[in-house]
Amino acid sequence: MGDEQGKLEIIASRNFPANDMLVYVIDFLNKNLKDKKIMFGLVKDKEKNEMTINIYEF
């Protein structure tokens, strides 16, 4: 089997109306929860004017 170390598994995903402040929220969460083996990602869909927050476990 392959090495599983460092592998990210998505555990939740949610869409929201686009808001540039979400970048700061995601940064805050990542800095304060990294020791919990949780990471947050943010993707912007310009066509739909939406942002998707993904929560990963590693």
N, C-alpha and C. Protein backbone atom coordinates (compact mmCIF):
# COMPACT_ATOMS: atom_id res chain seq x y z
N MET A 1 0.84 -1.19 0.00
CA MET A 1 0.00 0.00 0.00
C MET A 1 0.88 1.25 0.00
N GLY A 2 0.30 2.36 -0.50
CA GLY A 2 1.03 3.62 -0.56
C GLY A 2 1.11 4.30 0.78
N ASP A 3 1.96 5.28 0.88
CA ASP A 3 2.13 6.05 2.10
C ASP A 3 0.97 7.01 2.28
N GLU A 4 0.24 6.89 3.38
CA GLU A 4 -0.95 7.71 3.63
C GLU A 4 -0.60 9.02 4.34
N GLN A 5 0.64 9.18 4.80
CA GLN A 5 1.02 10.37 5.54
C GLN A 5 0.89 11.60 4.65
N GLY A 6 0.28 12.65 5.18
CA GLY A 6 0.13 13.89 4.43
C GLY A 6 -1.07 13.91 3.50
N LYS A 7 -1.85 12.84 3.47
CA LYS A 7 -3.01 12.77 2.60
C LYS A 7 -4.16 13.57 3.21
N LEU A 8 -4.79 14.40 2.40
CA LEU A 8 -5.93 15.19 2.85
C LEU A 8 -7.22 14.48 2.48
N GLU A 9 -8.13 14.41 3.44
CA GLU A 9 -9.44 13.82 3.19
C GLU A 9 -10.49 14.90 3.44
N ILE A 10 -11.32 15.16 2.43
CA ILE A 10 -12.36 16.17 2.60
C ILE A 10 -13.46 15.60 3.49
N ILE A 11 -13.81 16.34 4.54
CA ILE A 11 -14.84 15.86 5.46
C ILE A 11 -16.11 16.70 5.41
N ALA A 12 -16.04 17.88 4.79
CA ALA A 12 -17.23 18.71 4.64
C ALA A 12 -16.98 19.78 3.59
N SER A 13 -18.06 20.22 2.96
CA SER A 13 -17.99 21.26 1.94
C SER A 13 -19.30 22.02 1.95
N ARG A 14 -19.20 23.36 1.79
CA ARG A 14 -20.41 24.18 1.80
C ARG A 14 -20.20 25.42 0.95
N ASN A 15 -21.22 25.78 0.16
CA ASN A 15 -21.18 26.98 -0.68
C ASN A 15 -21.81 28.16 0.04
N PHE A 16 -21.25 29.35 -0.23
CA PHE A 16 -21.76 30.60 0.34
C PHE A 16 -21.70 31.68 -0.73
N PRO A 17 -22.51 32.72 -0.60
CA PRO A 17 -22.35 33.87 -1.50
C PRO A 17 -20.92 34.42 -1.35
N ALA A 18 -20.34 34.85 -2.45
CA ALA A 18 -18.96 35.35 -2.42
C ALA A 18 -18.84 36.53 -1.45
N ASN A 19 -17.77 36.46 -0.63
CA ASN A 19 -17.49 37.50 0.33
C ASN A 19 -15.98 37.48 0.57
N ASP A 20 -15.31 38.56 0.24
CA ASP A 20 -13.86 38.61 0.35
C ASP A 20 -13.36 38.43 1.79
N MET A 21 -14.20 38.65 2.78
CA MET A 21 -13.80 38.48 4.18
C MET A 21 -13.61 37.01 4.54
N LEU A 22 -14.18 36.10 3.76
CA LEU A 22 -14.01 34.67 4.05
C LEU A 22 -12.55 34.24 4.01
N VAL A 23 -11.75 34.92 3.21
CA VAL A 23 -10.31 34.61 3.15
C VAL A 23 -9.68 34.77 4.53
N TYR A 24 -10.05 35.82 5.24
CA TYR A 24 -9.50 36.09 6.56
C TYR A 24 -10.01 35.07 7.58
N VAL A 25 -11.25 34.65 7.45
CA VAL A 25 -11.82 33.65 8.34
C VAL A 25 -11.10 32.31 8.17
N ILE A 26 -10.88 31.92 6.91
CA ILE A 26 -10.20 30.66 6.63
C ILE A 26 -8.76 30.70 7.15
N ASP A 27 -8.07 31.82 6.95
CA ASP A 27 -6.71 31.98 7.46
C ASP A 27 -6.68 31.85 8.98
N PHE A 28 -7.61 32.51 9.66
CA PHE A 28 -7.72 32.44 11.12
C PHE A 28 -7.94 31.00 11.59
N LEU A 29 -8.88 30.30 10.94
CA LEU A 29 -9.17 28.92 11.33
C LEU A 29 -7.95 28.01 11.11
N ASN A 30 -7.28 28.15 9.98
CA ASN A 30 -6.11 27.32 9.70
C ASN A 30 -4.99 27.55 10.71
N LYS A 31 -4.75 28.79 11.08
CA LYS A 31 -3.69 29.09 12.03
C LYS A 31 -3.99 28.55 13.42
N ASN A 32 -5.26 28.54 13.80
CA ASN A 32 -5.62 28.16 15.16
C ASN A 32 -6.04 26.71 15.34
N LEU A 33 -6.30 26.01 14.25
CA LEU A 33 -6.75 24.62 14.37
C LEU A 33 -5.80 23.61 13.74
N LYS A 34 -4.61 24.05 13.32
CA LYS A 34 -3.69 23.12 12.65
C LYS A 34 -3.27 21.97 13.57
N ASP A 35 -3.21 22.19 14.88
CA ASP A 35 -2.83 21.12 15.79
C ASP A 35 -3.94 20.08 15.97
N LYS A 36 -5.14 20.37 15.46
CA LYS A 36 -6.27 19.44 15.52
C LYS A 36 -6.34 18.56 14.27
N LYS A 37 -5.34 18.71 13.39
CA LYS A 37 -5.27 17.95 12.13
C LYS A 37 -6.45 18.26 11.21
N ILE A 38 -6.85 19.52 11.22
CA ILE A 38 -7.94 20.01 10.37
C ILE A 38 -7.38 21.17 9.54
N MET A 39 -7.76 21.23 8.26
CA MET A 39 -7.35 22.32 7.40
C MET A 39 -8.56 22.78 6.59
N PHE A 40 -8.64 24.07 6.36
CA PHE A 40 -9.75 24.65 5.61
C PHE A 40 -9.26 25.18 4.29
N GLY A 41 -10.08 25.02 3.25
CA GLY A 41 -9.76 25.54 1.94
C GLY A 41 -10.91 26.40 1.44
N LEU A 42 -10.60 27.30 0.53
CA LEU A 42 -11.60 28.22 -0.01
C LEU A 42 -11.43 28.30 -1.52
N VAL A 43 -12.52 28.12 -2.24
CA VAL A 43 -12.50 28.19 -3.70
C VAL A 43 -13.57 29.19 -4.14
N LYS A 44 -13.19 30.09 -5.05
CA LYS A 44 -14.14 31.09 -5.54
C LYS A 44 -14.58 30.74 -6.95
N ASP A 45 -15.89 30.71 -7.16
CA ASP A 45 -16.47 30.51 -8.49
C ASP A 45 -16.97 31.88 -8.95
N LYS A 46 -16.21 32.53 -9.82
CA LYS A 46 -16.55 33.88 -10.25
C LYS A 46 -17.82 33.92 -11.08
N GLU A 47 -18.07 32.86 -11.85
CA GLU A 47 -19.28 32.83 -12.69
C GLU A 47 -20.56 32.79 -11.85
N LYS A 48 -20.54 32.04 -10.76
CA LYS A 48 -21.72 31.92 -9.90
C LYS A 48 -21.71 32.92 -8.75
N ASN A 49 -20.60 33.65 -8.60
CA ASN A 49 -20.42 34.58 -7.49
C ASN A 49 -20.60 33.86 -6.15
N GLU A 50 -19.98 32.67 -6.05
CA GLU A 50 -20.04 31.86 -4.84
C GLU A 50 -18.64 31.48 -4.39
N MET A 51 -18.54 31.14 -3.11
CA MET A 51 -17.31 30.61 -2.56
C MET A 51 -17.64 29.29 -1.87
N THR A 52 -16.74 28.35 -1.99
CA THR A 52 -16.91 27.05 -1.35
C THR A 52 -15.84 26.87 -0.29
N ILE A 53 -16.29 26.55 0.93
CA ILE A 53 -15.38 26.23 2.01
C ILE A 53 -15.30 24.71 2.10
N ASN A 54 -14.09 24.19 2.05
CA ASN A 54 -13.86 22.76 2.22
C ASN A 54 -13.11 22.55 3.54
N ILE A 55 -13.48 21.51 4.27
CA ILE A 55 -12.79 21.15 5.49
C ILE A 55 -12.11 19.81 5.24
N TYR A 56 -10.81 19.78 5.52
CA TYR A 56 -10.00 18.59 5.30
C TYR A 56 -9.46 18.08 6.62
N GLU A 57 -9.29 16.76 6.68
CA GLU A 57 -8.62 16.13 7.81
C GLU A 57 -7.35 15.49 7.28
N PHE A 58 -6.25 15.61 8.02
CA PHE A 58 -5.00 15.01 7.57
C PHE A 58 -4.34 14.24 8.68
